[in-house]
Amino acid sequence: MNTEQKLQALIEKAEEFKAFDIKAYDVRGVCSYADFFLFLSGTSSVQIQSLAEALILLAKKADCPPLGWEGLDLAEWCLIDFGDILVHLFQPDKREFFGIEALWQRCPQVYSSPA
């Protein structure tokens, strides 16, 4: 599975778990440690934990397990490092508060979920 296929699979799984405000940015050329950033929101810590676990399981089954993850205990902001793709899962208030997505908005947006 190449990077673009992995990104598409992660997006599809996020949509299956009813994540919203899904955005993916191509950060190649401006970031040395990843090719894509995937941002998404969930309505509760339970939803975010379930989605994070589903994304991790999906990648493991595809023989490309994550390098690591953080934040699953509180599930307000979780980060999953797939090496070439970094996935940020947020509760909406934390996403707005930290605003890290703004750092990458000049990069090409390769996916944005329908409103």
PDB file of N, CA and C in Angstrom:
ATOM      1  N   MET A   1       0.854  -1.177   0.000  1.00  0.00           N
ATOM      2  CA  MET A   1       0.000   0.000   0.000  1.00  0.00           C
ATOM      3  C   MET A   1       0.898   1.237   0.000  1.00  0.00           C
ATOM      4  N   ASN A   2       0.730   2.094  -0.995  1.00  0.00           N
ATOM      5  CA  ASN A   2       1.538   3.312  -1.022  1.00  0.00           C
ATOM      6  C   ASN A   2       0.911   4.379  -0.107  1.00  0.00           C
ATOM      7  N   THR A   3       1.587   5.499   0.016  1.00  0.00           N
ATOM      8  CA  THR A   3       1.160   6.540   0.955  1.00  0.00           C
ATOM      9  C   THR A   3      -0.223   7.089   0.619  1.00  0.00           C
ATOM     10  N   GLU A   4      -0.471   7.349  -0.654  1.00  0.00           N
ATOM     11  CA  GLU A   4      -1.771   7.892  -1.052  1.00  0.00           C
ATOM     12  C   GLU A   4      -2.896   6.896  -0.774  1.00  0.00           C
ATOM     13  N   GLN A   5      -2.651   5.617  -1.016  1.00  0.00           N
ATOM     14  CA  GLN A   5      -3.655   4.591  -0.731  1.00  0.00           C
ATOM     15  C   GLN A   5      -3.919   4.490   0.772  1.00  0.00           C
ATOM     16  N   LYS A   6      -2.849   4.594   1.546  1.00  0.00           N
ATOM     17  CA  LYS A   6      -3.005   4.559   3.005  1.00  0.00           C
ATOM     18  C   LYS A   6      -3.829   5.755   3.482  1.00  0.00           C
ATOM     19  N   LEU A   7      -3.531   6.934   2.934  1.00  0.00           N
ATOM     20  CA  LEU A   7      -4.289   8.132   3.300  1.00  0.00           C
ATOM     21  C   LEU A   7      -5.766   7.944   2.971  1.00  0.00           C
ATOM     22  N   GLN A   8      -6.062   7.426   1.785  1.00  0.00           N
ATOM     23  CA  GLN A   8      -7.450   7.204   1.386  1.00  0.00           C
ATOM     24  C   GLN A   8      -8.140   6.208   2.321  1.00  0.00           C
ATOM     25  N   ALA A   9      -7.444   5.145   2.687  1.00  0.00           N
ATOM     26  CA  ALA A   9      -8.017   4.145   3.599  1.00  0.00           C
ATOM     27  C   ALA A   9      -8.301   4.758   4.969  1.00  0.00           C
ATOM     28  N   LEU A  10      -7.407   5.602   5.455  1.00  0.00           N
ATOM     29  CA  LEU A  10      -7.613   6.262   6.748  1.00  0.00           C
ATOM     30  C   LEU A  10      -8.813   7.205   6.695  1.00  0.00           C
ATOM     31  N   ILE A  11      -8.942   7.946   5.599  1.00  0.00           N
ATOM     32  CA  ILE A  11     -10.080   8.856   5.434  1.00  0.00           C
ATOM     33  C   ILE A  11     -11.386   8.066   5.403  1.00  0.00           C
ATOM     34  N   GLU A  12     -11.411   6.978   4.652  1.00  0.00           N
ATOM     35  CA  GLU A  12     -12.627   6.164   4.564  1.00  0.00           C
ATOM     36  C   GLU A  12     -13.019   5.595   5.927  1.00  0.00           C
ATOM     37  N   LYS A  13     -12.032   5.153   6.697  1.00  0.00           N
ATOM     38  CA  LYS A  13     -12.321   4.627   8.035  1.00  0.00           C
ATOM     39  C   LYS A  13     -12.843   5.747   8.938  1.00  0.00           C
ATOM     40  N   ALA A  14     -12.256   6.934   8.838  1.00  0.00           N
ATOM     41  CA  ALA A  14     -12.721   8.072   9.638  1.00  0.00           C
ATOM     42  C   ALA A  14     -14.173   8.404   9.304  1.00  0.00           C
ATOM     43  N   GLU A  15     -14.508   8.388   8.026  1.00  0.00           N
ATOM     44  CA  GLU A  15     -15.893   8.662   7.627  1.00  0.00           C
ATOM     45  C   GLU A  15     -16.835   7.572   8.133  1.00  0.00           C
ATOM     46  N   GLU A  16     -16.375   6.333   8.090  1.00  0.00           N
ATOM     47  CA  GLU A  16     -17.181   5.215   8.593  1.00  0.00           C
ATOM     48  C   GLU A  16     -17.520   5.401  10.073  1.00  0.00           C
ATOM     49  N   PHE A  17     -16.586   5.976  10.826  1.00  0.00           N
ATOM     50  CA  PHE A  17     -16.778   6.204  12.259  1.00  0.00           C
ATOM     51  C   PHE A  17     -17.372   7.583  12.555  1.00  0.00           C
ATOM     52  N   LYS A  18     -17.894   8.235  11.517  1.00  0.00           N
ATOM     53  CA  LYS A  18     -18.615   9.507  11.648  1.00  0.00           C
ATOM     54  C   LYS A  18     -17.751  10.665  12.140  1.00  0.00           C
ATOM     55  N   ALA A  19     -16.456  10.625  11.818  1.00  0.00           N
ATOM     56  CA  ALA A  19     -15.617  11.791  12.084  1.00  0.00           C
ATOM     57  C   ALA A  19     -16.117  12.924  11.184  1.00  0.00           C
ATOM     58  N   PHE A  20     -15.830  14.151  11.575  1.00  0.00           N
ATOM     59  CA  PHE A  20     -16.263  15.285  10.756  1.00  0.00           C
ATOM     60  C   PHE A  20     -15.142  16.307  10.658  1.00  0.00           C
ATOM     61  N   ASP A  21     -15.350  17.274   9.769  1.00  0.00           N
ATOM     62  CA  ASP A  21     -14.342  18.307   9.496  1.00  0.00           C
ATOM     63  C   ASP A  21     -12.992  17.659   9.176  1.00  0.00           C
ATOM     64  N   ILE A  22     -13.032  16.689   8.279  1.00  0.00           N
ATOM     65  CA  ILE A  22     -11.832  15.942   7.894  1.00  0.00           C
ATOM     66  C   ILE A  22     -11.075  16.740   6.839  1.00  0.00           C
ATOM     67  N   LYS A  23      -9.798  16.970   7.088  1.00  0.00           N
ATOM     68  CA  LYS A  23      -8.956  17.689   6.130  1.00  0.00           C
ATOM     69  C   LYS A  23      -7.602  17.009   6.058  1.00  0.00           C
ATOM     70  N   ALA A  24      -7.089  16.897   4.842  1.00  0.00           N
ATOM     71  CA  ALA A  24      -5.762  16.320   4.635  1.00  0.00           C
ATOM     72  C   ALA A  24      -4.921  17.311   3.842  1.00  0.00           C
ATOM     73  N   TYR A  25      -3.679  17.471   4.273  1.00  0.00           N
ATOM     74  CA  TYR A  25      -2.743  18.386   3.627  1.00  0.00           C
ATOM     75  C   TYR A  25      -1.512  17.628   3.161  1.00  0.00           C
ATOM     76  N   ASP A  26      -1.053  17.975   1.975  1.00  0.00           N
ATOM     77  CA  ASP A  26       0.189  17.438   1.429  1.00  0.00           C
ATOM     78  C   ASP A  26       1.318  18.335   1.917  1.00  0.00           C
ATOM     79  N   VAL A  27       2.130  17.824   2.828  1.00  0.00           N
ATOM     80  CA  VAL A  27       3.190  18.636   3.429  1.00  0.00           C
ATOM     81  C   VAL A  27       4.580  18.282   2.892  1.00  0.00           C
ATOM     82  N   ARG A  28       4.594  17.475   1.819  1.00  0.00           N
ATOM     83  CA  ARG A  28       5.889  17.148   1.211  1.00  0.00           C
ATOM     84  C   ARG A  28       6.527  18.436   0.725  1.00  0.00           C
ATOM     85  N   GLY A  29       7.803  18.561   0.904  1.00  0.00           N
ATOM     86  CA  GLY A  29       8.509  19.761   0.484  1.00  0.00           C
ATOM     87  C   GLY A  29       8.634  20.806   1.569  1.00  0.00           C
ATOM     88  N   VAL A  30       7.773  20.761   2.581  1.00  0.00           N
ATOM     89  CA  VAL A  30       7.870  21.722   3.683  1.00  0.00           C
ATOM     90  C   VAL A  30       8.050  21.034   5.030  1.00  0.00           C
ATOM     91  N   CYS A  31       7.899  19.733   5.055  1.00  0.00           N
ATOM     92  CA  CYS A  31       8.005  18.967   6.296  1.00  0.00           C
ATOM     93  C   CYS A  31       8.916  17.768   6.050  1.00  0.00           C
ATOM     94  N   SER A  32       9.903  17.594   6.896  1.00  0.00           N
ATOM     95  CA  SER A  32      10.878  16.515   6.690  1.00  0.00           C
ATOM     96  C   SER A  32      10.454  15.187   7.315  1.00  0.00           C
ATOM     97  N   TYR A  33       9.429  15.190   8.146  1.00  0.00           N
ATOM     98  CA  TYR A  33       9.089  13.976   8.884  1.00  0.00           C
ATOM     99  C   TYR A  33       7.756  13.339   8.486  1.00  0.00           C
ATOM    100  N   ALA A  34       7.056  13.894   7.506  1.00  0.00           N
ATOM    101  CA  ALA A  34       5.791  13.298   7.047  1.00  0.00           C
ATOM    102  C   ALA A  34       5.479  13.801   5.647  1.00  0.00           C
ATOM    103  N   ASP A  35       4.630  13.057   4.948  1.00  0.00           N
ATOM    104  CA  ASP A  35       4.157  13.469   3.625  1.00  0.00           C
ATOM    105  C   ASP A  35       2.777  14.116   3.694  1.00  0.00           C
ATOM    106  N   PHE A  36       1.953  13.639   4.618  1.00  0.00           N
ATOM    107  CA  PHE A  36       0.591  14.150   4.755  1.00  0.00           C
ATOM    108  C   PHE A  36       0.241  14.325   6.221  1.00  0.00           C
ATOM    109  N   PHE A  37      -0.577  15.342   6.495  1.00  0.00           N
ATOM    110  CA  PHE A  37      -1.209  15.523   7.796  1.00  0.00           C
ATOM    111  C   PHE A  37      -2.702  15.339   7.583  1.00  0.00           C
ATOM    112  N   LEU A  38      -3.319  14.558   8.449  1.00  0.00           N
ATOM    113  CA  LEU A  38      -4.757  14.325   8.399  1.00  0.00           C
ATOM    114  C   LEU A  38      -5.354  14.829   9.707  1.00  0.00           C
ATOM    115  N   PHE A  39      -6.281  15.776   9.602  1.00  0.00           N
ATOM    116  CA  PHE A  39      -6.953  16.354  10.763  1.00  0.00           C
ATOM    117  C   PHE A  39      -8.413  15.927  10.734  1.00  0.00           C
ATOM    118  N   LEU A  40      -8.939  15.540  11.890  1.00  0.00           N
ATOM    119  CA  LEU A  40     -10.352  15.205  11.955  1.00  0.00           C
ATOM    120  C   LEU A  40     -10.877  15.429  13.353  1.00  0.00           C
ATOM    121  N   SER A  41     -12.188  15.574  13.438  1.00  0.00           N
ATOM    122  CA  SER A  41     -12.836  15.831  14.725  1.00  0.00           C
ATOM    123  C   SER A  41     -13.851  14.743  15.038  1.00  0.00           C
ATOM    124  N   GLY A  42     -14.055  14.559  16.338  1.00  0.00           N
ATOM    125  CA  GLY A  42     -15.077  13.650  16.845  1.00  0.00           C
ATOM    126  C   GLY A  42     -15.874  14.359  17.915  1.00  0.00           C
ATOM    127  N   THR A  43     -17.041  13.825  18.219  1.00  0.00           N
ATOM    128  CA  THR A  43     -17.945  14.507  19.148  1.00  0.00           C
ATOM    129  C   THR A  43     -17.677  14.200  20.616  1.00  0.00           C
ATOM    130  N   SER A  44     -16.936  13.128  20.888  1.00  0.00           N
ATOM    131  CA  SER A  44     -16.708  12.744  22.284  1.00  0.00           C
ATOM    132  C   SER A  44     -15.393  11.985  22.408  1.00  0.00           C
ATOM    133  N   SER A  45     -14.928  11.855  23.638  1.00  0.00           N
ATOM    134  CA  SER A  45     -13.698  11.091  23.862  1.00  0.00           C
ATOM    135  C   SER A  45     -13.896   9.627  23.493  1.00  0.00           C
ATOM    136  N   VAL A  46     -15.084   9.099  23.716  1.00  0.00           N
ATOM    137  CA  VAL A  46     -15.363   7.702  23.361  1.00  0.00           C
ATOM    138  C   VAL A  46     -15.255   7.510  21.847  1.00  0.00           C
ATOM    139  N   GLN A  47     -15.837   8.432  21.082  1.00  0.00           N
ATOM    140  CA  GLN A  47     -15.756   8.334  19.624  1.00  0.00           C
ATOM    141  C   GLN A  47     -14.308   8.446  19.153  1.00  0.00           C
ATOM    142  N   ILE A  48     -13.561   9.372  19.719  1.00  0.00           N
ATOM    143  CA  ILE A  48     -12.172   9.564  19.307  1.00  0.00           C
ATOM    144  C   ILE A  48     -11.337   8.337  19.654  1.00  0.00           C
ATOM    145  N   GLN A  49     -11.521   7.781  20.837  1.00  0.00           N
ATOM    146  CA  GLN A  49     -10.791   6.561  21.203  1.00  0.00           C
ATOM    147  C   GLN A  49     -11.131   5.411  20.264  1.00  0.00           C
ATOM    148  N   SER A  50     -12.405   5.234  19.974  1.00  0.00           N
ATOM    149  CA  SER A  50     -12.831   4.152  19.079  1.00  0.00           C
ATOM    150  C   SER A  50     -12.251   4.334  17.689  1.00  0.00           C
ATOM    151  N   LEU A  51     -12.290   5.552  17.185  1.00  0.00           N
ATOM    152  CA  LEU A  51     -11.748   5.829  15.862  1.00  0.00           C
ATOM    153  C   LEU A  51     -10.242   5.620  15.833  1.00  0.00           C
ATOM    154  N   ALA A  52      -9.542   6.112  16.842  1.00  0.00           N
ATOM    155  CA  ALA A  52      -8.088   5.933  16.896  1.00  0.00           C
ATOM    156  C   ALA A  52      -7.734   4.451  16.900  1.00  0.00           C
ATOM    157  N   GLU A  53      -8.431   3.681  17.700  1.00  0.00           N
ATOM    158  CA  GLU A  53      -8.170   2.237  17.751  1.00  0.00           C
ATOM    159  C   GLU A  53      -8.470   1.577  16.411  1.00  0.00           C
ATOM    160  N   ALA A  54      -9.527   2.031  15.727  1.00  0.00           N
ATOM    161  CA  ALA A  54      -9.870   1.478  14.409  1.00  0.00           C
ATOM    162  C   ALA A  54      -8.805   1.823  13.370  1.00  0.00           C
ATOM    163  N   LEU A  55      -8.275   3.041  13.415  1.00  0.00           N
ATOM    164  CA  LEU A  55      -7.221   3.439  12.476  1.00  0.00           C
ATOM    165  C   LEU A  55      -5.948   2.632  12.716  1.00  0.00           C
ATOM    166  N   ILE A  56      -5.613   2.426  13.972  1.00  0.00           N
ATOM    167  CA  ILE A  56      -4.428   1.636  14.316  1.00  0.00           C
ATOM    168  C   ILE A  56      -4.597   0.198  13.837  1.00  0.00           C
ATOM    169  N   LEU A  57      -5.758  -0.381  14.075  1.00  0.00           N
ATOM    170  CA  LEU A  57      -6.028  -1.756  13.644  1.00  0.00           C
ATOM    171  C   LEU A  57      -6.004  -1.878  12.121  1.00  0.00           C
ATOM    172  N   LEU A  58      -6.590  -0.918  11.432  1.00  0.00           N
ATOM    173  CA  LEU A  58      -6.587  -0.905   9.969  1.00  0.00           C
ATOM    174  C   LEU A  58      -5.160  -0.936   9.435  1.00  0.00           C
ATOM    175  N   ALA A  59      -4.314  -0.100   9.994  1.00  0.00           N
ATOM    176  CA  ALA A  59      -2.927  -0.029   9.531  1.00  0.00           C
ATOM    177  C   ALA A  59      -2.166  -1.312   9.851  1.00  0.00           C
ATOM    178  N   LYS A  60      -2.408  -1.868  11.017  1.00  0.00           N
ATOM    179  CA  LYS A  60      -1.741  -3.127  11.375  1.00  0.00           C
ATOM    180  C   LYS A  60      -2.137  -4.242  10.418  1.00  0.00           C
ATOM    181  N   LYS A  61      -3.427  -4.311  10.073  1.00  0.00           N
ATOM    182  CA  LYS A  61      -3.902  -5.339   9.146  1.00  0.00           C
ATOM    183  C   LYS A  61      -3.312  -5.155   7.752  1.00  0.00           C
ATOM    184  N   ALA A  62      -3.000  -3.910   7.388  1.00  0.00           N
ATOM    185  CA  ALA A  62      -2.404  -3.613   6.084  1.00  0.00           C
ATOM    186  C   ALA A  62      -0.882  -3.724   6.133  1.00  0.00           C
ATOM    187  N   ASP A  63      -0.358  -4.240   7.232  1.00  0.00           N
ATOM    188  CA  ASP A  63       1.076  -4.432   7.427  1.00  0.00           C
ATOM    189  C   ASP A  63       1.868  -3.122   7.388  1.00  0.00           C
ATOM    190  N   CYS A  64       1.242  -2.053   7.880  1.00  0.00           N
ATOM    191  CA  CYS A  64       1.953  -0.781   8.042  1.00  0.00           C
ATOM    192  C   CYS A  64       1.539  -0.168   9.377  1.00  0.00           C
ATOM    193  N   PRO A  65       1.943  -0.811  10.469  1.00  0.00           N
ATOM    194  CA  PRO A  65       1.526  -0.356  11.799  1.00  0.00           C
ATOM    195  C   PRO A  65       2.088   1.024  12.130  1.00  0.00           C
ATOM    196  N   PRO A  66       1.406   1.740  13.005  1.00  0.00           N
ATOM    197  CA  PRO A  66       1.903   3.059  13.391  1.00  0.00           C
ATOM    198  C   PRO A  66       3.207   2.961  14.173  1.00  0.00           C
ATOM    199  N   LEU A  67       3.982   4.031  14.083  1.00  0.00           N
ATOM    200  CA  LEU A  67       5.224   4.117  14.853  1.00  0.00           C
ATOM    201  C   LEU A  67       4.928   4.422  16.313  1.00  0.00           C
ATOM    202  N   GLY A  68       3.797   5.069  16.552  1.00  0.00           N
ATOM    203  CA  GLY A  68       3.407   5.401  17.917  1.00  0.00           C
ATOM    204  C   GLY A  68       2.163   6.259  17.934  1.00  0.00           C
ATOM    205  N   TRP A  69       1.656   6.491  19.135  1.00  0.00           N
ATOM    206  CA  TRP A  69       0.486   7.338  19.309  1.00  0.00           C
ATOM    207  C   TRP A  69       0.526   7.938  20.697  1.00  0.00           C
ATOM    208  N   GLU A  70      -0.187   9.044  20.845  1.00  0.00           N
ATOM    209  CA  GLU A  70      -0.280   9.764  22.120  1.00  0.00           C
ATOM    210  C   GLU A  70      -1.698  10.276  22.293  1.00  0.00           C
ATOM    211  N   GLY A  71      -2.109  10.421  23.535  1.00  0.00           N
ATOM    212  CA  GLY A  71      -3.354  11.091  23.864  1.00  0.00           C
ATOM    213  C   GLY A  71      -4.597  10.233  23.909  1.00  0.00           C
ATOM    214  N   LEU A  72      -4.461   8.925  23.801  1.00  0.00           N
ATOM    215  CA  LEU A  72      -5.655   8.073  23.812  1.00  0.00           C
ATOM    216  C   LEU A  72      -6.346   8.043  25.170  1.00  0.00           C
ATOM    217  N   ASP A  73      -5.610   8.294  26.236  1.00  0.00           N
ATOM    218  CA  ASP A  73      -6.205   8.213  27.571  1.00  0.00           C
ATOM    219  C   ASP A  73      -7.292   9.273  27.783  1.00  0.00           C
ATOM    220  N   LEU A  74      -7.018  10.522  27.441  1.00  0.00           N
ATOM    221  CA  LEU A  74      -8.023  11.581  27.584  1.00  0.00           C
ATOM    222  C   LEU A  74      -8.854  11.762  26.322  1.00  0.00           C
ATOM    223  N   ALA A  75      -8.259  11.460  25.179  1.00  0.00           N
ATOM    224  CA  ALA A  75      -8.928  11.541  23.871  1.00  0.00           C
ATOM    225  C   ALA A  75      -9.539  12.916  23.597  1.00  0.00           C
ATOM    226  N   GLU A  76      -8.809  13.955  23.972  1.00  0.00           N
ATOM    227  CA  GLU A  76      -9.199  15.308  23.581  1.00  0.00           C
ATOM    228  C   GLU A  76      -8.442  15.702  22.319  1.00  0.00           C
ATOM    229  N   TRP A  77      -7.182  15.270  22.265  1.00  0.00           N
ATOM    230  CA  TRP A  77      -6.345  15.442  21.082  1.00  0.00           C
ATOM    231  C   TRP A  77      -5.449  14.213  21.022  1.00  0.00           C
ATOM    232  N   CYS A  78      -5.649  13.394  20.032  1.00  0.00           N
ATOM    233  CA  CYS A  78      -4.829  12.194  19.841  1.00  0.00           C
ATOM    234  C   CYS A  78      -3.975  12.380  18.598  1.00  0.00           C
ATOM    235  N   LEU A  79      -2.779  11.889  18.660  1.00  0.00           N
ATOM    236  CA  LEU A  79      -1.865  11.916  17.524  1.00  0.00           C
ATOM    237  C   LEU A  79      -1.438  10.489  17.238  1.00  0.00           C
ATOM    238  N   ILE A  80      -1.561  10.081  15.977  1.00  0.00           N
ATOM    239  CA  ILE A  80      -1.083   8.769  15.552  1.00  0.00           C
ATOM    240  C   ILE A  80      -0.052   9.000  14.462  1.00  0.00           C
ATOM    241  N   ASP A  81       1.138   8.453  14.662  1.00  0.00           N
ATOM    242  CA  ASP A  81       2.244   8.622  13.725  1.00  0.00           C
ATOM    243  C   ASP A  81       2.386   7.369  12.872  1.00  0.00           C
ATOM    244  N   PHE A  82       2.015   7.495  11.604  1.00  0.00           N
ATOM    245  CA  PHE A  82       2.166   6.387  10.666  1.00  0.00           C
ATOM    246  C   PHE A  82       3.449   6.524   9.848  1.00  0.00           C
ATOM    247  N   GLY A  83       4.351   7.397  10.275  1.00  0.00           N
ATOM    248  CA  GLY A  83       5.606   7.607   9.561  1.00  0.00           C
ATOM    249  C   GLY A  83       5.436   8.611   8.441  1.00  0.00           C
ATOM    250  N   ASP A  84       4.730   8.229   7.406  1.00  0.00           N
ATOM    251  CA  ASP A  84       4.502   9.128   6.278  1.00  0.00           C
ATOM    252  C   ASP A  84       3.228   9.958   6.425  1.00  0.00           C
ATOM    253  N   ILE A  85       2.376   9.580   7.352  1.00  0.00           N
ATOM    254  CA  ILE A  85       1.127  10.305   7.614  1.00  0.00           C
ATOM    255  C   ILE A  85       0.982  10.511   9.121  1.00  0.00           C
ATOM    256  N   LEU A  86       0.729  11.753   9.515  1.00  0.00           N
ATOM    257  CA  LEU A  86       0.414  12.061  10.912  1.00  0.00           C
ATOM    258  C   LEU A  86      -1.074  12.360  11.003  1.00  0.00           C
ATOM    259  N   VAL A  87      -1.759  11.652  11.881  1.00  0.00           N
ATOM    260  CA  VAL A  87      -3.198  11.829  12.055  1.00  0.00           C
ATOM    261  C   VAL A  87      -3.451  12.527  13.385  1.00  0.00           C
ATOM    262  N   HIS A  88      -4.188  13.629  13.317  1.00  0.00           N
ATOM    263  CA  HIS A  88      -4.588  14.380  14.507  1.00  0.00           C
ATOM    264  C   HIS A  88      -6.089  14.221  14.677  1.00  0.00           C
ATOM    265  N   LEU A  89      -6.512  13.659  15.799  1.00  0.00           N
ATOM    266  CA  LEU A  89      -7.933  13.496  16.117  1.00  0.00           C
ATOM    267  C   LEU A  89      -8.254  14.438  17.274  1.00  0.00           C
ATOM    268  N   PHE A  90      -9.244  15.288  17.088  1.00  0.00           N
ATOM    269  CA  PHE A  90      -9.555  16.320  18.072  1.00  0.00           C
ATOM    270  C   PHE A  90     -11.011  16.297  18.498  1.00  0.00           C
ATOM    271  N   GLN A  91     -11.245  16.748  19.728  1.00  0.00           N
ATOM    272  CA  GLN A  91     -12.560  17.243  20.089  1.00  0.00           C
ATOM    273  C   GLN A  91     -12.588  18.674  19.555  1.00  0.00           C
ATOM    274  N   PRO A  92     -13.721  19.147  19.048  1.00  0.00           N
ATOM    275  CA  PRO A  92     -13.758  20.447  18.366  1.00  0.00           C
ATOM    276  C   PRO A  92     -13.178  21.614  19.165  1.00  0.00           C
ATOM    277  N   ASP A  93     -13.446  21.680  20.464  1.00  0.00           N
ATOM    278  CA  ASP A  93     -12.929  22.802  21.249  1.00  0.00           C
ATOM    279  C   ASP A  93     -11.407  22.774  21.342  1.00  0.00           C
ATOM    280  N   LYS A  94     -10.823  21.593  21.420  1.00  0.00           N
ATOM    281  CA  LYS A  94      -9.359  21.481  21.480  1.00  0.00           C
ATOM    282  C   LYS A  94      -8.739  21.804  20.124  1.00  0.00           C
ATOM    283  N   ARG A  95      -9.405  21.414  19.061  1.00  0.00           N
ATOM    284  CA  ARG A  95      -8.899  21.720  17.713  1.00  0.00           C
ATOM    285  C   ARG A  95      -8.832  23.230  17.514  1.00  0.00           C
ATOM    286  N   GLU A  96      -9.887  23.916  17.940  1.00  0.00           N
ATOM    287  CA  GLU A  96      -9.915  25.372  17.822  1.00  0.00           C
ATOM    288  C   GLU A  96      -8.887  26.021  18.752  1.00  0.00           C
ATOM    289  N   PHE A  97      -8.784  25.536  19.970  1.00  0.00           N
ATOM    290  CA  PHE A  97      -7.873  26.112  20.954  1.00  0.00           C
ATOM    291  C   PHE A  97      -6.413  26.034  20.501  1.00  0.00           C
ATOM    292  N   PHE A  98      -5.975  24.853  20.063  1.00  0.00           N
ATOM    293  CA  PHE A  98      -4.570  24.685  19.689  1.00  0.00           C
ATOM    294  C   PHE A  98      -4.259  25.265  18.316  1.00  0.00           C
ATOM    295  N   GLY A  99      -5.171  25.184  17.391  1.00  0.00           N
ATOM    296  CA  GLY A  99      -5.006  25.829  16.091  1.00  0.00           C
ATOM    297  C   GLY A  99      -3.813  25.373  15.272  1.00  0.00           C
ATOM    298  N   ILE A 100      -3.317  24.154  15.498  1.00  0.00           N
ATOM    299  CA  ILE A 100      -2.113  23.732  14.767  1.00  0.00           C
ATOM    300  C   ILE A 100      -2.368  23.546  13.277  1.00  0.00           C
ATOM    301  N   GLU A 101      -3.608  23.323  12.921  1.00  0.00           N
ATOM    302  CA  GLU A 101      -3.948  23.161  11.506  1.00  0.00           C
ATOM    303  C   GLU A 101      -3.566  24.404  10.702  1.00  0.00           C
ATOM    304  N   ALA A 102      -3.662  25.565  11.323  1.00  0.00           N
ATOM    305  CA  ALA A 102      -3.344  26.819  10.643  1.00  0.00           C
ATOM    306  C   ALA A 102      -1.898  26.862  10.163  1.00  0.00           C
ATOM    307  N   LEU A 103      -1.024  26.123  10.829  1.00  0.00           N
ATOM    308  CA  LEU A 103       0.383  26.097  10.422  1.00  0.00           C
ATOM    309  C   LEU A 103       0.582  25.469   9.048  1.00  0.00           C
ATOM    310  N   TRP A 104      -0.355  24.640   8.635  1.00  0.00           N
ATOM    311  CA  TRP A 104      -0.190  23.866   7.398  1.00  0.00           C
ATOM    312  C   TRP A 104      -1.174  24.275   6.312  1.00  0.00           C
ATOM    313  N   GLN A 105      -1.982  25.288   6.528  1.00  0.00           N
ATOM    314  CA  GLN A 105      -3.017  25.652   5.569  1.00  0.00           C
ATOM    315  C   GLN A 105      -2.477  26.214   4.261  1.00  0.00           C
ATOM    316  N   ARG A 106      -1.210  26.578   4.223  1.00  0.00           N
ATOM    317  CA  ARG A 106      -0.622  27.033   2.954  1.00  0.00           C
ATOM    318  C   ARG A 106      -0.212  25.860   2.075  1.00  0.00           C
ATOM    319  N   CYS A 107      -0.204  24.669   2.648  1.00  0.00           N
ATOM    320  CA  CYS A 107       0.121  23.461   1.881  1.00  0.00           C
ATOM    321  C   CYS A 107      -1.113  23.040   1.079  1.00  0.00           C
ATOM    322  N   PRO A 108      -0.897  22.304  -0.004  1.00  0.00           N
ATOM    323  CA  PRO A 108      -2.049  21.848  -0.791  1.00  0.00           C
ATOM    324  C   PRO A 108      -2.986  20.974   0.040  1.00  0.00           C
ATOM    325  N   GLN A 109      -4.253  21.324   0.007  1.00  0.00           N
ATOM    326  CA  GLN A 109      -5.258  20.507   0.687  1.00  0.00           C
ATOM    327  C   GLN A 109      -5.708  19.435  -0.307  1.00  0.00           C
ATOM    328  N   VAL A 110      -5.508  18.183   0.073  1.00  0.00           N
ATOM    329  CA  VAL A 110      -5.827  17.081  -0.836  1.00  0.00           C
ATOM    330  C   VAL A 110      -7.166  16.429  -0.516  1.00  0.00           C
ATOM    331  N   TYR A 111      -7.745  16.790   0.621  1.00  0.00           N
ATOM    332  CA  TYR A 111      -9.076  16.282   0.959  1.00  0.00           C
ATOM    333  C   TYR A 111      -9.732  17.214   1.962  1.00  0.00           C
ATOM    334  N   SER A 112     -11.024  17.425   1.772  1.00  0.00           N
ATOM    335  CA  SER A 112     -11.838  18.154   2.736  1.00  0.00           C
ATOM    336  C   SER A 112     -13.222  17.526   2.711  1.00  0.00           C
ATOM    337  N   SER A 113     -13.703  17.105   3.869  1.00  0.00           N
ATOM    338  CA  SER A 113     -15.007  16.438   3.917  1.00  0.00           C
ATOM    339  C   SER A 113     -16.111  17.426   3.570  1.00  0.00           C
ATOM    340  N   PRO A 114     -17.184  16.907   2.980  1.00  0.00           N
ATOM    341  CA  PRO A 114     -18.325  17.775   2.668  1.00  0.00           C
ATOM    342  C   PRO A 114     -18.903  18.382   3.947  1.00  0.00           C
ATOM    343  N   ALA A 115     -19.387  19.590   3.832  1.00  0.00           N
ATOM    344  CA  ALA A 115     -19.952  20.283   5.002  1.00  0.00           C
ATOM    345  C   ALA A 115     -21.267  19.684   5.429  1.00  0.00           C
TER     346      ALA A 115
END
